[in-house]
Amino acid sequence: MTRTIDTHTHVLADATIKLLQKEIPRLGLNLTPIDADTAMLEVAGVRYRPFPRGGHDMTRRFADMAATEVDMHVLSATPQTWLYNPRRKPGCTIRIPPSPPPRRQSRTTRSRGS
């Protein structure tokens, strides 16, 4: 069975939008419908349009996947939420915890039996 995986997918789900609006109101995150298929996404004063309905409405996303025969998506955050070039400073800081240091493998420099 052949499976189709879309490896470049961005999603900012409605539930996440509501959570961000509640937790970080200074972010100025708004989603304004334009028509049945698109909306305008605003983050920190920067407007992005069109923002496709499948980018936030998960029911629509799954229907779009079925219609295009995509079995799975590799998801990443929408670029807008990384706050590139905001028109106004949102007054918040996003902290990403540091990754643990890579594990070192021990190497033996002496050969045995010499």
C-alpha atoms as a PDB file:
ATOM      1  CA  MET A   1       0.000   0.000   0.000  1.00  0.00           C
ATOM      2  CA  THR A   2       1.387   3.378  -0.990  1.00  0.00           C
ATOM      3  CA  ARG A   3       1.098   6.142   1.568  1.00  0.00           C
ATOM      4  CA  THR A   4       1.341   9.854   0.857  1.00  0.00           C
ATOM      5  CA  ILE A   5       3.021  12.061   3.461  1.00  0.00           C
ATOM      6  CA  ASP A   6       3.052  15.843   3.097  1.00  0.00           C
ATOM      7  CA  THR A   7       6.340  16.919   4.681  1.00  0.00           C
ATOM      8  CA  HIS A   8       5.753  20.685   4.692  1.00  0.00           C
ATOM      9  CA  THR A   9       2.613  21.552   6.615  1.00  0.00           C
ATOM     10  CA  HIS A  10       1.740  24.475   8.874  1.00  0.00           C
ATOM     11  CA  VAL A  11      -1.187  24.476  11.289  1.00  0.00           C
ATOM     12  CA  LEU A  12      -2.410  26.973  13.848  1.00  0.00           C
ATOM     13  CA  ALA A  13      -5.505  25.221  15.174  1.00  0.00           C
ATOM     14  CA  ASP A  14      -8.538  27.179  16.375  1.00  0.00           C
ATOM     15  CA  ALA A  15      -8.053  25.796  19.897  1.00  0.00           C
ATOM     16  CA  THR A  16      -4.436  27.027  19.905  1.00  0.00           C
ATOM     17  CA  ILE A  17      -5.508  30.458  18.658  1.00  0.00           C
ATOM     18  CA  LYS A  18      -8.015  30.719  21.540  1.00  0.00           C
ATOM     19  CA  LEU A  19      -5.388  29.597  24.061  1.00  0.00           C
ATOM     20  CA  LEU A  20      -2.836  32.139  22.802  1.00  0.00           C
ATOM     21  CA  GLN A  21      -5.465  34.902  22.830  1.00  0.00           C
ATOM     22  CA  LYS A  22      -6.244  34.071  26.451  1.00  0.00           C
ATOM     23  CA  GLU A  23      -2.681  33.554  27.688  1.00  0.00           C
ATOM     24  CA  ILE A  24      -0.897  36.289  25.675  1.00  0.00           C
ATOM     25  CA  PRO A  25      -3.436  38.999  24.790  1.00  0.00           C
ATOM     26  CA  ARG A  26      -0.559  41.433  24.010  1.00  0.00           C
ATOM     27  CA  LEU A  27       0.282  39.227  21.026  1.00  0.00           C
ATOM     28  CA  GLY A  28      -2.713  40.694  19.193  1.00  0.00           C
ATOM     29  CA  LEU A  29      -3.580  37.373  17.565  1.00  0.00           C
ATOM     30  CA  ASN A  30      -6.769  37.665  15.529  1.00  0.00           C
ATOM     31  CA  LEU A  31      -8.374  35.523  12.866  1.00  0.00           C
ATOM     32  CA  THR A  32     -10.925  37.363  10.721  1.00  0.00           C
ATOM     33  CA  PRO A  33     -12.919  35.358   8.142  1.00  0.00           C
ATOM     34  CA  ILE A  34     -12.814  36.702   4.580  1.00  0.00           C
ATOM     35  CA  ASP A  35     -15.034  34.063   2.948  1.00  0.00           C
ATOM     36  CA  ALA A  36     -15.863  30.354   3.353  1.00  0.00           C
ATOM     37  CA  ASP A  37     -12.333  29.281   2.428  1.00  0.00           C
ATOM     38  CA  THR A  38      -9.991  31.974   3.739  1.00  0.00           C
ATOM     39  CA  ALA A  39      -9.353  34.329   6.628  1.00  0.00           C
ATOM     40  CA  MET A  40      -6.910  37.042   7.616  1.00  0.00           C
ATOM     41  CA  LEU A  41      -4.511  36.114  10.394  1.00  0.00           C
ATOM     42  CA  GLU A  42      -3.027  38.999  12.363  1.00  0.00           C
ATOM     43  CA  VAL A  43      -0.100  38.538  14.749  1.00  0.00           C
ATOM     44  CA  ALA A  44       1.672  41.452  16.482  1.00  0.00           C
ATOM     45  CA  GLY A  45       0.298  43.931  13.944  1.00  0.00           C
ATOM     46  CA  VAL A  46       1.321  41.913  10.862  1.00  0.00           C
ATOM     47  CA  ARG A  47      -1.545  40.752   8.640  1.00  0.00           C
ATOM     48  CA  TYR A  48      -1.354  37.555   6.606  1.00  0.00           C
ATOM     49  CA  ARG A  49      -3.954  36.930   3.940  1.00  0.00           C
ATOM     50  CA  PRO A  50      -5.224  34.730   2.680  1.00  0.00           C
ATOM     51  CA  PHE A  51      -4.867  32.274   5.535  1.00  0.00           C
ATOM     52  CA  PRO A  52      -6.554  29.082   4.294  1.00  0.00           C
ATOM     53  CA  ARG A  53      -9.334  27.605   6.377  1.00  0.00           C
ATOM     54  CA  GLY A  54      -7.491  24.279   6.439  1.00  0.00           C
ATOM     55  CA  GLY A  55      -4.674  26.075   8.275  1.00  0.00           C
ATOM     56  CA  HIS A  56      -6.790  26.469  11.422  1.00  0.00           C
ATOM     57  CA  ASP A  57      -9.999  24.402  11.076  1.00  0.00           C
ATOM     58  CA  MET A  58      -8.993  20.796  11.740  1.00  0.00           C
ATOM     59  CA  THR A  59     -12.233  19.324  10.353  1.00  0.00           C
ATOM     60  CA  ARG A  60     -11.542  21.144   7.099  1.00  0.00           C
ATOM     61  CA  ARG A  61      -7.878  20.063   7.188  1.00  0.00           C
ATOM     62  CA  PHE A  62      -8.839  16.391   7.403  1.00  0.00           C
ATOM     63  CA  ALA A  63     -11.384  16.809   4.601  1.00  0.00           C
ATOM     64  CA  ASP A  64      -8.730  18.506   2.426  1.00  0.00           C
ATOM     65  CA  MET A  65      -6.311  15.658   3.174  1.00  0.00           C
ATOM     66  CA  ALA A  66      -8.894  13.058   2.153  1.00  0.00           C
ATOM     67  CA  ALA A  67      -9.749  14.968  -1.046  1.00  0.00           C
ATOM     68  CA  THR A  68      -6.082  15.107  -2.074  1.00  0.00           C
ATOM     69  CA  GLU A  69      -5.303  11.561  -0.889  1.00  0.00           C
ATOM     70  CA  VAL A  70      -2.760  12.673   1.711  1.00  0.00           C
ATOM     71  CA  ASP A  71      -2.456  10.137   4.532  1.00  0.00           C
ATOM     72  CA  MET A  72      -0.262  12.057   6.951  1.00  0.00           C
ATOM     73  CA  HIS A  73       1.255  15.492   7.558  1.00  0.00           C
ATOM     74  CA  VAL A  74       4.524  16.472   9.181  1.00  0.00           C
ATOM     75  CA  LEU A  75       3.425  19.529  11.160  1.00  0.00           C
ATOM     76  CA  SER A  76       5.298  22.660  12.104  1.00  0.00           C
ATOM     77  CA  ALA A  77       4.229  25.877  13.716  1.00  0.00           C
ATOM     78  CA  THR A  78       2.991  28.569  11.388  1.00  0.00           C
ATOM     79  CA  PRO A  79       5.794  31.027  10.579  1.00  0.00           C
ATOM     80  CA  GLN A  80       3.621  33.891  11.860  1.00  0.00           C
ATOM     81  CA  THR A  81       3.884  32.616  15.429  1.00  0.00           C
ATOM     82  CA  TRP A  82       7.692  32.955  15.373  1.00  0.00           C
ATOM     83  CA  LEU A  83       7.128  36.750  15.327  1.00  0.00           C
ATOM     84  CA  TYR A  84       9.284  37.577  12.311  1.00  0.00           C
ATOM     85  CA  ASN A  85       9.354  41.353  11.709  1.00  0.00           C
ATOM     86  CA  PRO A  86       6.468  42.378  13.983  1.00  0.00           C
ATOM     87  CA  ARG A  87       5.138  45.903  13.391  1.00  0.00           C
ATOM     88  CA  ARG A  88       4.870  46.345  17.116  1.00  0.00           C
ATOM     89  CA  LYS A  89       6.579  44.513  19.927  1.00  0.00           C
ATOM     90  CA  PRO A  90       4.128  42.103  21.521  1.00  0.00           C
ATOM     91  CA  GLY A  91       5.728  42.535  24.951  1.00  0.00           C
ATOM     92  CA  CYS A  92       6.338  38.876  25.494  1.00  0.00           C
ATOM     93  CA  THR A  93       9.268  36.519  25.243  1.00  0.00           C
ATOM     94  CA  ILE A  94       9.163  33.014  23.950  1.00  0.00           C
ATOM     95  CA  ARG A  95      11.662  30.756  25.666  1.00  0.00           C
ATOM     96  CA  ILE A  96      12.693  27.465  24.206  1.00  0.00           C
ATOM     97  CA  PRO A  97      14.278  25.113  26.721  1.00  0.00           C
ATOM     98  CA  PRO A  98      17.837  24.158  25.835  1.00  0.00           C
ATOM     99  CA  SER A  99      18.424  20.790  24.279  1.00  0.00           C
ATOM    100  CA  PRO A 100      20.395  18.331  26.359  1.00  0.00           C
ATOM    101  CA  PRO A 101      24.046  18.106  25.354  1.00  0.00           C
ATOM    102  CA  PRO A 102      24.851  15.337  22.892  1.00  0.00           C
ATOM    103  CA  ARG A 103      25.993  12.094  24.423  1.00  0.00           C
ATOM    104  CA  ARG A 104      29.646  11.353  23.953  1.00  0.00           C
ATOM    105  CA  GLN A 105      30.789   7.942  23.054  1.00  0.00           C
ATOM    106  CA  SER A 106      33.912   6.787  24.803  1.00  0.00           C
ATOM    107  CA  ARG A 107      36.798   6.063  22.496  1.00  0.00           C
ATOM    108  CA  THR A 108      39.708   3.887  23.348  1.00  0.00           C
ATOM    109  CA  THR A 109      43.007   5.295  22.166  1.00  0.00           C
ATOM    110  CA  ARG A 110      45.125   2.311  23.168  1.00  0.00           C
ATOM    111  CA  SER A 111      44.895  -0.965  21.411  1.00  0.00           C
ATOM    112  CA  ARG A 112      44.709  -4.035  23.555  1.00  0.00           C
ATOM    113  CA  GLY A 113      47.474  -6.556  23.526  1.00  0.00           C
ATOM    114  CA  SER A 114      50.316  -4.195  22.787  1.00  0.00           C
END
